[in-house]
Amino acid sequence: MTDAITRAAEILKDHRASIDRLDAILVYTLAERFKHTQAVGHLKAQHELPPSDPNREARQIERLEGLAKDADLDPEFAKKFLTFIISEVIRHHEHLQK
């Protein structure tokens, strides 16, 4: 291997290690988030509140789009990501109300 290829392989290895650490952070962060949303779901079920709060969801999406812009992340991606998470939360909340 040439020195340039060896150096590129080292840089690639470092990037991949960082990606692996960040993936772990994402998974644990999502797990923590879902612990809180499950608690909210139980509270809503106990008090017969609707599983969905469209006004809050819209505010959260708008807030996340702003955060994404600040972080130089595609706001449309952030919106799709949060929309998916919200749909999962609502699905869990609906299940708790059965």
PDB file of N, CA and C in Angstrom:
ATOM      1  N   MET A   1       0.833  -1.188   0.000  1.00  0.00           N
ATOM      2  CA  MET A   1       0.000   0.000   0.000  1.00  0.00           C
ATOM      3  C   MET A   1       0.871   1.243   0.000  1.00  0.00           C
ATOM      4  N   THR A   2       0.414   2.219  -0.716  1.00  0.00           N
ATOM      5  CA  THR A   2       1.152   3.480  -0.687  1.00  0.00           C
ATOM      6  C   THR A   2       0.831   4.226   0.604  1.00  0.00           C
ATOM      7  N   ASP A   3       1.650   5.211   0.916  1.00  0.00           N
ATOM      8  CA  ASP A   3       1.430   6.004   2.124  1.00  0.00           C
ATOM      9  C   ASP A   3       0.071   6.701   2.085  1.00  0.00           C
ATOM     10  N   ALA A   4      -0.333   7.191   0.912  1.00  0.00           N
ATOM     11  CA  ALA A   4      -1.617   7.890   0.777  1.00  0.00           C
ATOM     12  C   ALA A   4      -2.777   6.940   1.037  1.00  0.00           C
ATOM     13  N   ILE A   5      -2.697   5.747   0.525  1.00  0.00           N
ATOM     14  CA  ILE A   5      -3.759   4.762   0.735  1.00  0.00           C
ATOM     15  C   ILE A   5      -3.802   4.333   2.198  1.00  0.00           C
ATOM     16  N   THR A   6      -2.640   4.140   2.797  1.00  0.00           N
ATOM     17  CA  THR A   6      -2.569   3.779   4.216  1.00  0.00           C
ATOM     18  C   THR A   6      -3.189   4.875   5.072  1.00  0.00           C
ATOM     19  N   ARG A   7      -2.859   6.124   4.763  1.00  0.00           N
ATOM     20  CA  ARG A   7      -3.408   7.252   5.529  1.00  0.00           C
ATOM     21  C   ARG A   7      -4.924   7.349   5.321  1.00  0.00           C
ATOM     22  N   ALA A   8      -5.379   7.147   4.103  1.00  0.00           N
ATOM     23  CA  ALA A   8      -6.819   7.179   3.818  1.00  0.00           C
ATOM     24  C   ALA A   8      -7.536   6.081   4.594  1.00  0.00           C
ATOM     25  N   ALA A   9      -6.939   4.916   4.669  1.00  0.00           N
ATOM     26  CA  ALA A   9      -7.541   3.803   5.416  1.00  0.00           C
ATOM     27  C   ALA A   9      -7.631   4.145   6.908  1.00  0.00           C
ATOM     28  N   GLU A  10      -6.615   4.815   7.440  1.00  0.00           N
ATOM     29  CA  GLU A  10      -6.643   5.227   8.853  1.00  0.00           C
ATOM     30  C   GLU A  10      -7.740   6.258   9.103  1.00  0.00           C
ATOM     31  N   ILE A  11      -7.858   7.220   8.194  1.00  0.00           N
ATOM     32  CA  ILE A  11      -8.889   8.251   8.328  1.00  0.00           C
ATOM     33  C   ILE A  11     -10.274   7.615   8.242  1.00  0.00           C
ATOM     34  N   LEU A  12     -10.436   6.702   7.300  1.00  0.00           N
ATOM     35  CA  LEU A  12     -11.709   5.996   7.150  1.00  0.00           C
ATOM     36  C   LEU A  12     -12.054   5.227   8.418  1.00  0.00           C
ATOM     37  N   LYS A  13     -11.074   4.568   8.993  1.00  0.00           N
ATOM     38  CA  LYS A  13     -11.276   3.822  10.235  1.00  0.00           C
ATOM     39  C   LYS A  13     -11.721   4.759  11.356  1.00  0.00           C
ATOM     40  N   ASP A  14     -11.092   5.925  11.462  1.00  0.00           N
ATOM     41  CA  ASP A  14     -11.463   6.906  12.489  1.00  0.00           C
ATOM     42  C   ASP A  14     -12.893   7.408  12.286  1.00  0.00           C
ATOM     43  N   HIS A  15     -13.240   7.722  11.042  1.00  0.00           N
ATOM     44  CA  HIS A  15     -14.610   8.169  10.760  1.00  0.00           C
ATOM     45  C   HIS A  15     -15.626   7.092  11.128  1.00  0.00           C
ATOM     46  N   ARG A  16     -15.331   5.877  10.767  1.00  0.00           N
ATOM     47  CA  ARG A  16     -16.260   4.777  11.069  1.00  0.00           C
ATOM     48  C   ARG A  16     -16.401   4.551  12.565  1.00  0.00           C
ATOM     49  N   ALA A  17     -15.324   4.709  13.304  1.00  0.00           N
ATOM     50  CA  ALA A  17     -15.396   4.576  14.770  1.00  0.00           C
ATOM     51  C   ALA A  17     -16.283   5.672  15.348  1.00  0.00           C
ATOM     52  N   SER A  18     -16.150   6.887  14.830  1.00  0.00           N
ATOM     53  CA  SER A  18     -17.005   7.986  15.284  1.00  0.00           C
ATOM     54  C   SER A  18     -18.462   7.718  14.935  1.00  0.00           C
ATOM     55  N   ILE A  19     -18.708   7.226  13.748  1.00  0.00           N
ATOM     56  CA  ILE A  19     -20.079   6.885  13.332  1.00  0.00           C
ATOM     57  C   ILE A  19     -20.659   5.825  14.256  1.00  0.00           C
ATOM     58  N   ASP A  20     -19.882   4.815  14.580  1.00  0.00           N
ATOM     59  CA  ASP A  20     -20.352   3.754  15.484  1.00  0.00           C
ATOM     60  C   ASP A  20     -20.714   4.322  16.860  1.00  0.00           C
ATOM     61  N   ARG A  21     -19.875   5.222  17.388  1.00  0.00           N
ATOM     62  CA  ARG A  21     -20.175   5.844  18.686  1.00  0.00           C
ATOM     63  C   ARG A  21     -21.446   6.688  18.607  1.00  0.00           C
ATOM     64  N   LEU A  22     -21.581   7.445  17.540  1.00  0.00           N
ATOM     65  CA  LEU A  22     -22.773   8.283  17.371  1.00  0.00           C
ATOM     66  C   LEU A  22     -24.032   7.438  17.199  1.00  0.00           C
ATOM     67  N   ASP A  23     -23.927   6.320  16.497  1.00  0.00           N
ATOM     68  CA  ASP A  23     -25.077   5.421  16.370  1.00  0.00           C
ATOM     69  C   ASP A  23     -25.511   4.907  17.739  1.00  0.00           C
ATOM     70  N   ALA A  24     -24.554   4.577  18.577  1.00  0.00           N
ATOM     71  CA  ALA A  24     -24.879   4.122  19.933  1.00  0.00           C
ATOM     72  C   ALA A  24     -25.568   5.235  20.715  1.00  0.00           C
ATOM     73  N   ILE A  25     -25.065   6.454  20.590  1.00  0.00           N
ATOM     74  CA  ILE A  25     -25.692   7.591  21.268  1.00  0.00           C
ATOM     75  C   ILE A  25     -27.126   7.761  20.789  1.00  0.00           C
ATOM     76  N   LEU A  26     -27.345   7.656  19.481  1.00  0.00           N
ATOM     77  CA  LEU A  26     -28.700   7.781  18.932  1.00  0.00           C
ATOM     78  C   LEU A  26     -29.639   6.724  19.506  1.00  0.00           C
ATOM     79  N   VAL A  27     -29.179   5.488  19.552  1.00  0.00           N
ATOM     80  CA  VAL A  27     -30.016   4.399  20.058  1.00  0.00           C
ATOM     81  C   VAL A  27     -30.366   4.622  21.525  1.00  0.00           C
ATOM     82  N   TYR A  28     -29.377   4.947  22.347  1.00  0.00           N
ATOM     83  CA  TYR A  28     -29.650   5.159  23.768  1.00  0.00           C
ATOM     84  C   TYR A  28     -30.505   6.403  24.000  1.00  0.00           C
ATOM     85  N   THR A  29     -30.305   7.436  23.190  1.00  0.00           N
ATOM     86  CA  THR A  29     -31.120   8.649  23.294  1.00  0.00           C
ATOM     87  C   THR A  29     -32.562   8.350  22.911  1.00  0.00           C
ATOM     88  N   LEU A  30     -32.756   7.602  21.838  1.00  0.00           N
ATOM     89  CA  LEU A  30     -34.120   7.224  21.445  1.00  0.00           C
ATOM     90  C   LEU A  30     -34.777   6.361  22.514  1.00  0.00           C
ATOM     91  N   ALA A  31     -34.026   5.465  23.105  1.00  0.00           N
ATOM     92  CA  ALA A  31     -34.578   4.624  24.175  1.00  0.00           C
ATOM     93  C   ALA A  31     -35.032   5.488  25.343  1.00  0.00           C
ATOM     94  N   GLU A  32     -34.232   6.465  25.719  1.00  0.00           N
ATOM     95  CA  GLU A  32     -34.597   7.367  26.811  1.00  0.00           C
ATOM     96  C   GLU A  32     -35.828   8.182  26.442  1.00  0.00           C
ATOM     97  N   ARG A  33     -35.887   8.657  25.209  1.00  0.00           N
ATOM     98  CA  ARG A  33     -37.042   9.430  24.745  1.00  0.00           C
ATOM     99  C   ARG A  33     -38.301   8.576  24.829  1.00  0.00           C
ATOM    100  N   PHE A  34     -38.214   7.331  24.376  1.00  0.00           N
ATOM    101  CA  PHE A  34     -39.388   6.460  24.386  1.00  0.00           C
ATOM    102  C   PHE A  34     -39.812   6.083  25.807  1.00  0.00           C
ATOM    103  N   LYS A  35     -38.890   6.062  26.750  1.00  0.00           N
ATOM    104  CA  LYS A  35     -39.286   5.846  28.153  1.00  0.00           C
ATOM    105  C   LYS A  35     -40.212   6.967  28.603  1.00  0.00           C
ATOM    106  N   HIS A  36     -39.870   8.192  28.227  1.00  0.00           N
ATOM    107  CA  HIS A  36     -40.697   9.338  28.609  1.00  0.00           C
ATOM    108  C   HIS A  36     -42.025   9.340  27.856  1.00  0.00           C
ATOM    109  N   THR A  37     -41.993   9.010  26.578  1.00  0.00           N
ATOM    110  CA  THR A  37     -43.254   9.003  25.831  1.00  0.00           C
ATOM    111  C   THR A  37     -44.160   7.866  26.299  1.00  0.00           C
ATOM    112  N   GLN A  38     -43.574   6.762  26.761  1.00  0.00           N
ATOM    113  CA  GLN A  38     -44.402   5.685  27.318  1.00  0.00           C
ATOM    114  C   GLN A  38     -45.077   6.172  28.601  1.00  0.00           C
ATOM    115  N   ALA A  39     -44.346   6.906  29.425  1.00  0.00           N
ATOM    116  CA  ALA A  39     -44.942   7.454  30.648  1.00  0.00           C
ATOM    117  C   ALA A  39     -46.078   8.409  30.294  1.00  0.00           C
ATOM    118  N   VAL A  40     -45.879   9.226  29.280  1.00  0.00           N
ATOM    119  CA  VAL A  40     -46.937  10.124  28.815  1.00  0.00           C
ATOM    120  C   VAL A  40     -48.127   9.307  28.332  1.00  0.00           C
ATOM    121  N   GLY A  41     -47.869   8.244  27.598  1.00  0.00           N
ATOM    122  CA  GLY A  41     -48.949   7.387  27.096  1.00  0.00           C
ATOM    123  C   GLY A  41     -49.761   6.769  28.215  1.00  0.00           C
ATOM    124  N   HIS A  42     -49.087   6.312  29.256  1.00  0.00           N
ATOM    125  CA  HIS A  42     -49.800   5.741  30.405  1.00  0.00           C
ATOM    126  C   HIS A  42     -50.654   6.803  31.090  1.00  0.00           C
ATOM    127  N   LEU A  43     -50.100   7.986  31.248  1.00  0.00           N
ATOM    128  CA  LEU A  43     -50.845   9.087  31.862  1.00  0.00           C
ATOM    129  C   LEU A  43     -52.072   9.446  31.027  1.00  0.00           C
ATOM    130  N   LYS A  44     -51.902   9.520  29.720  1.00  0.00           N
ATOM    131  CA  LYS A  44     -53.030   9.827  28.831  1.00  0.00           C
ATOM    132  C   LYS A  44     -54.098   8.740  28.929  1.00  0.00           C
ATOM    133  N   ALA A  45     -53.669   7.482  28.968  1.00  0.00           N
ATOM    134  CA  ALA A  45     -54.628   6.379  29.046  1.00  0.00           C
ATOM    135  C   ALA A  45     -55.392   6.428  30.371  1.00  0.00           C
ATOM    136  N   GLN A  46     -54.689   6.690  31.460  1.00  0.00           N
ATOM    137  CA  GLN A  46     -55.331   6.750  32.783  1.00  0.00           C
ATOM    138  C   GLN A  46     -56.376   7.855  32.861  1.00  0.00           C
ATOM    139  N   HIS A  47     -56.134   8.946  32.149  1.00  0.00           N
ATOM    140  CA  HIS A  47     -57.023  10.108  32.233  1.00  0.00           C
ATOM    141  C   HIS A  47     -57.886  10.278  30.975  1.00  0.00           C
ATOM    142  N   GLU A  48     -57.888   9.232  30.155  1.00  0.00           N
ATOM    143  CA  GLU A  48     -58.696   9.210  28.931  1.00  0.00           C
ATOM    144  C   GLU A  48     -58.450  10.426  28.044  1.00  0.00           C
ATOM    145  N   LEU A  49     -57.184  10.788  27.924  1.00  0.00           N
ATOM    146  CA  LEU A  49     -56.783  11.874  27.033  1.00  0.00           C
ATOM    147  C   LEU A  49     -56.478  11.288  25.656  1.00  0.00           C
ATOM    148  N   PRO A  50     -56.636  12.064  24.602  1.00  0.00           N
ATOM    149  CA  PRO A  50     -56.374  11.537  23.259  1.00  0.00           C
ATOM    150  C   PRO A  50     -54.905  11.140  23.093  1.00  0.00           C
ATOM    151  N   PRO A  51     -54.643  10.096  22.314  1.00  0.00           N
ATOM    152  CA  PRO A  51     -53.268   9.627  22.127  1.00  0.00           C
ATOM    153  C   PRO A  51     -52.405  10.602  21.332  1.00  0.00           C
ATOM    154  N   SER A  52     -53.044  11.493  20.602  1.00  0.00           N
ATOM    155  CA  SER A  52     -52.323  12.422  19.748  1.00  0.00           C
ATOM    156  C   SER A  52     -52.641  13.859  20.156  1.00  0.00           C
ATOM    157  N   ASP A  53     -51.641  14.728  20.015  1.00  0.00           N
ATOM    158  CA  ASP A  53     -51.822  16.159  20.268  1.00  0.00           C
ATOM    159  C   ASP A  53     -51.266  16.891  19.051  1.00  0.00           C
ATOM    160  N   PRO A  54     -52.094  17.056  18.014  1.00  0.00           N
ATOM    161  CA  PRO A  54     -51.604  17.630  16.750  1.00  0.00           C
ATOM    162  C   PRO A  54     -50.937  18.999  16.899  1.00  0.00           C
ATOM    163  N   ASN A  55     -51.423  19.833  17.818  1.00  0.00           N
ATOM    164  CA  ASN A  55     -50.805  21.151  17.995  1.00  0.00           C
ATOM    165  C   ASN A  55     -49.378  21.011  18.528  1.00  0.00           C
ATOM    166  N   ARG A  56     -49.190  20.163  19.535  1.00  0.00           N
ATOM    167  CA  ARG A  56     -47.840  19.952  20.074  1.00  0.00           C
ATOM    168  C   ARG A  56     -46.941  19.322  19.019  1.00  0.00           C
ATOM    169  N   GLU A  57     -47.478  18.355  18.293  1.00  0.00           N
ATOM    170  CA  GLU A  57     -46.673  17.682  17.267  1.00  0.00           C
ATOM    171  C   GLU A  57     -46.200  18.683  16.212  1.00  0.00           C
ATOM    172  N   ALA A  58     -47.080  19.575  15.793  1.00  0.00           N
ATOM    173  CA  ALA A  58     -46.701  20.587  14.803  1.00  0.00           C
ATOM    174  C   ALA A  58     -45.630  21.522  15.368  1.00  0.00           C
ATOM    175  N   ARG A  59     -45.788  21.910  16.631  1.00  0.00           N
ATOM    176  CA  ARG A  59     -44.777  22.772  17.262  1.00  0.00           C
ATOM    177  C   ARG A  59     -43.428  22.062  17.359  1.00  0.00           C
ATOM    178  N   GLN A  60     -43.473  20.780  17.702  1.00  0.00           N
ATOM    179  CA  GLN A  60     -42.227  20.013  17.826  1.00  0.00           C
ATOM    180  C   GLN A  60     -41.528  19.897  16.472  1.00  0.00           C
ATOM    181  N   ILE A  61     -42.298  19.641  15.432  1.00  0.00           N
ATOM    182  CA  ILE A  61     -41.706  19.524  14.094  1.00  0.00           C
ATOM    183  C   ILE A  61     -41.075  20.855  13.697  1.00  0.00           C
ATOM    184  N   GLU A  62     -41.789  21.946  13.940  1.00  0.00           N
ATOM    185  CA  GLU A  62     -41.263  23.273  13.620  1.00  0.00           C
ATOM    186  C   GLU A  62     -39.986  23.552  14.420  1.00  0.00           C
ATOM    187  N   ARG A  63     -39.998  23.202  15.702  1.00  0.00           N
ATOM    188  CA  ARG A  63     -38.826  23.408  16.560  1.00  0.00           C
ATOM    189  C   ARG A  63     -37.639  22.591  16.056  1.00  0.00           C
ATOM    190  N   LEU A  64     -37.895  21.338  15.699  1.00  0.00           N
ATOM    191  CA  LEU A  64     -36.813  20.483  15.229  1.00  0.00           C
ATOM    192  C   LEU A  64     -36.254  20.969  13.894  1.00  0.00           C
ATOM    193  N   GLU A  65     -37.122  21.483  13.032  1.00  0.00           N
ATOM    194  CA  GLU A  65     -36.628  22.036  11.769  1.00  0.00           C
ATOM    195  C   GLU A  65     -35.681  23.206  12.038  1.00  0.00           C
ATOM    196  N   GLY A  66     -36.017  24.042  13.014  1.00  0.00           N
ATOM    197  CA  GLY A  66     -35.131  25.148  13.386  1.00  0.00           C
ATOM    198  C   GLY A  66     -33.811  24.654  13.941  1.00  0.00           C
ATOM    199  N   LEU A  67     -33.880  23.647  14.803  1.00  0.00           N
ATOM    200  CA  LEU A  67     -32.645  23.069  15.343  1.00  0.00           C
ATOM    201  C   LEU A  67     -31.786  22.473  14.230  1.00  0.00           C
ATOM    202  N   ALA A  68     -32.447  21.811  13.287  1.00  0.00           N
ATOM    203  CA  ALA A  68     -31.721  21.205  12.167  1.00  0.00           C
ATOM    204  C   ALA A  68     -30.992  22.277  11.357  1.00  0.00           C
ATOM    205  N   LYS A  69     -31.682  23.379  11.086  1.00  0.00           N
ATOM    206  CA  LYS A  69     -31.036  24.474  10.345  1.00  0.00           C
ATOM    207  C   LYS A  69     -29.813  24.982  11.103  1.00  0.00           C
ATOM    208  N   ASP A  70     -29.974  25.161  12.424  1.00  0.00           N
ATOM    209  CA  ASP A  70     -28.859  25.631  13.250  1.00  0.00           C
ATOM    210  C   ASP A  70     -27.686  24.650  13.223  1.00  0.00           C
ATOM    211  N   ALA A  71     -28.003  23.368  13.135  1.00  0.00           N
ATOM    212  CA  ALA A  71     -26.976  22.324  13.158  1.00  0.00           C
ATOM    213  C   ALA A  71     -26.443  21.989  11.761  1.00  0.00           C
ATOM    214  N   ASP A  72     -26.937  22.711  10.748  1.00  0.00           N
ATOM    215  CA  ASP A  72     -26.546  22.463   9.357  1.00  0.00           C
ATOM    216  C   ASP A  72     -26.944  21.053   8.907  1.00  0.00           C
ATOM    217  N   LEU A  73     -28.145  20.654   9.334  1.00  0.00           N
ATOM    218  CA  LEU A  73     -28.731  19.376   8.931  1.00  0.00           C
ATOM    219  C   LEU A  73     -29.939  19.696   8.065  1.00  0.00           C
ATOM    220  N   ASP A  74     -30.170  18.908   7.057  1.00  0.00           N
ATOM    221  CA  ASP A  74     -31.304  19.124   6.162  1.00  0.00           C
ATOM    222  C   ASP A  74     -32.608  19.127   6.972  1.00  0.00           C
ATOM    223  N   PRO A  75     -33.316  20.269   7.020  1.00  0.00           N
ATOM    224  CA  PRO A  75     -34.547  20.344   7.809  1.00  0.00           C
ATOM    225  C   PRO A  75     -35.614  19.364   7.337  1.00  0.00           C
ATOM    226  N   GLU A  76     -35.636  19.070   6.059  1.00  0.00           N
ATOM    227  CA  GLU A  76     -36.628  18.114   5.539  1.00  0.00           C
ATOM    228  C   GLU A  76     -36.349  16.714   6.090  1.00  0.00           C
ATOM    229  N   PHE A  77     -35.080  16.350   6.174  1.00  0.00           N
ATOM    230  CA  PHE A  77     -34.713  15.067   6.782  1.00  0.00           C
ATOM    231  C   PHE A  77     -35.149  15.049   8.239  1.00  0.00           C
ATOM    232  N   ALA A  78     -34.857  16.125   8.965  1.00  0.00           N
ATOM    233  CA  ALA A  78     -35.223  16.202  10.378  1.00  0.00           C
ATOM    234  C   ALA A  78     -36.736  16.073  10.542  1.00  0.00           C
ATOM    235  N   LYS A  79     -37.485  16.722   9.655  1.00  0.00           N
ATOM    236  CA  LYS A  79     -38.949  16.651   9.713  1.00  0.00           C
ATOM    237  C   LYS A  79     -39.430  15.214   9.488  1.00  0.00           C
ATOM    238  N   LYS A  80     -38.875  14.542   8.501  1.00  0.00           N
ATOM    239  CA  LYS A  80     -39.255  13.148   8.231  1.00  0.00           C
ATOM    240  C   LYS A  80     -38.913  12.252   9.422  1.00  0.00           C
ATOM    241  N   PHE A  81     -37.750  12.476  10.006  1.00  0.00           N
ATOM    242  CA  PHE A  81     -37.305  11.674  11.138  1.00  0.00           C
ATOM    243  C   PHE A  81     -38.245  11.855  12.324  1.00  0.00           C
ATOM    244  N   LEU A  82     -38.553  13.101  12.670  1.00  0.00           N
ATOM    245  CA  LEU A  82     -39.443  13.352  13.808  1.00  0.00           C
ATOM    246  C   LEU A  82     -40.857  12.875  13.511  1.00  0.00           C
ATOM    247  N   THR A  83     -41.313  13.034  12.285  1.00  0.00           N
ATOM    248  CA  THR A  83     -42.652  12.558  11.910  1.00  0.00           C
ATOM    249  C   THR A  83     -42.744  11.054  12.121  1.00  0.00           C
ATOM    250  N   PHE A  84     -41.689  10.330  11.765  1.00  0.00           N
ATOM    251  CA  PHE A  84     -41.665   8.880  11.989  1.00  0.00           C
ATOM    252  C   PHE A  84     -41.720   8.564  13.482  1.00  0.00           C
ATOM    253  N   ILE A  85     -40.925   9.260  14.270  1.00  0.00           N
ATOM    254  CA  ILE A  85     -40.904   9.024  15.713  1.00  0.00           C
ATOM    255  C   ILE A  85     -42.276   9.323  16.315  1.00  0.00           C
ATOM    256  N   ILE A  86     -42.861  10.443  15.925  1.00  0.00           N
ATOM    257  CA  ILE A  86     -44.178  10.804  16.446  1.00  0.00           C
ATOM    258  C   ILE A  86     -45.213   9.740  16.085  1.00  0.00           C
ATOM    259  N   SER A  87     -45.163   9.236  14.865  1.00  0.00           N
ATOM    260  CA  SER A  87     -46.128   8.197  14.476  1.00  0.00           C
ATOM    261  C   SER A  87     -45.969   6.944  15.327  1.00  0.00           C
ATOM    262  N   GLU A  88     -44.730   6.599  15.679  1.00  0.00           N
ATOM    263  CA  GLU A  88     -44.498   5.444  16.555  1.00  0.00           C
ATOM    264  C   GLU A  88     -45.033   5.712  17.965  1.00  0.00           C
ATOM    265  N   VAL A  89     -44.821   6.913  18.462  1.00  0.00           N
ATOM    266  CA  VAL A  89     -45.311   7.276  19.791  1.00  0.00           C
ATOM    267  C   VAL A  89     -46.837   7.196  19.819  1.00  0.00           C
ATOM    268  N   ILE A  90     -47.476   7.752  18.813  1.00  0.00           N
ATOM    269  CA  ILE A  90     -48.946   7.718  18.753  1.00  0.00           C
ATOM    270  C   ILE A  90     -49.435   6.276  18.695  1.00  0.00           C
ATOM    271  N   ARG A  91     -48.749   5.458  17.906  1.00  0.00           N
ATOM    272  CA  ARG A  91     -49.126   4.040  17.817  1.00  0.00           C
ATOM    273  C   ARG A  91     -49.041   3.381  19.190  1.00  0.00           C
ATOM    274  N   HIS A  92     -47.987   3.675  19.939  1.00  0.00           N
ATOM    275  CA  HIS A  92     -47.851   3.127  21.297  1.00  0.00           C
ATOM    276  C   HIS A  92     -48.955   3.655  22.204  1.00  0.00           C
ATOM    277  N   HIS A  93     -49.252   4.943  22.103  1.00  0.00           N
ATOM    278  CA  HIS A  93     -50.300   5.538  22.933  1.00  0.00           C
ATOM    279  C   HIS A  93     -51.665   4.923  22.623  1.00  0.00           C
ATOM    280  N   GLU A  94     -51.930   4.709  21.354  1.00  0.00           N
ATOM    281  CA  GLU A  94     -53.197   4.078  20.959  1.00  0.00           C
ATOM    282  C   GLU A  94     -53.291   2.655  21.526  1.00  0.00           C
ATOM    283  N   HIS A  95     -52.190   1.937  21.483  1.00  0.00           N
ATOM    284  CA  HIS A  95     -52.164   0.574  22.024  1.00  0.00           C
ATOM    285  C   HIS A  95     -52.441   0.568  23.529  1.00  0.00           C
ATOM    286  N   LEU A  96     -51.915   1.554  24.233  1.00  0.00           N
ATOM    287  CA  LEU A  96     -52.126   1.636  25.686  1.00  0.00           C
ATOM    288  C   LEU A  96     -53.572   1.930  26.041  1.00  0.00           C
ATOM    289  N   GLN A  97     -54.307   2.528  25.123  1.00  0.00           N
ATOM    290  CA  GLN A  97     -55.686   2.917  25.398  1.00  0.00           C
ATOM    291  C   GLN A  97     -56.682   1.801  25.080  1.00  0.00           C
ATOM    292  N   LYS A  98     -56.203   0.679  24.602  1.00  0.00           N
ATOM    293  CA  LYS A  98     -57.103  -0.447  24.278  1.00  0.00           C
ATOM    294  C   LYS A  98     -57.413  -1.269  25.500  1.00  0.00           C
TER     295      LYS A  98
END
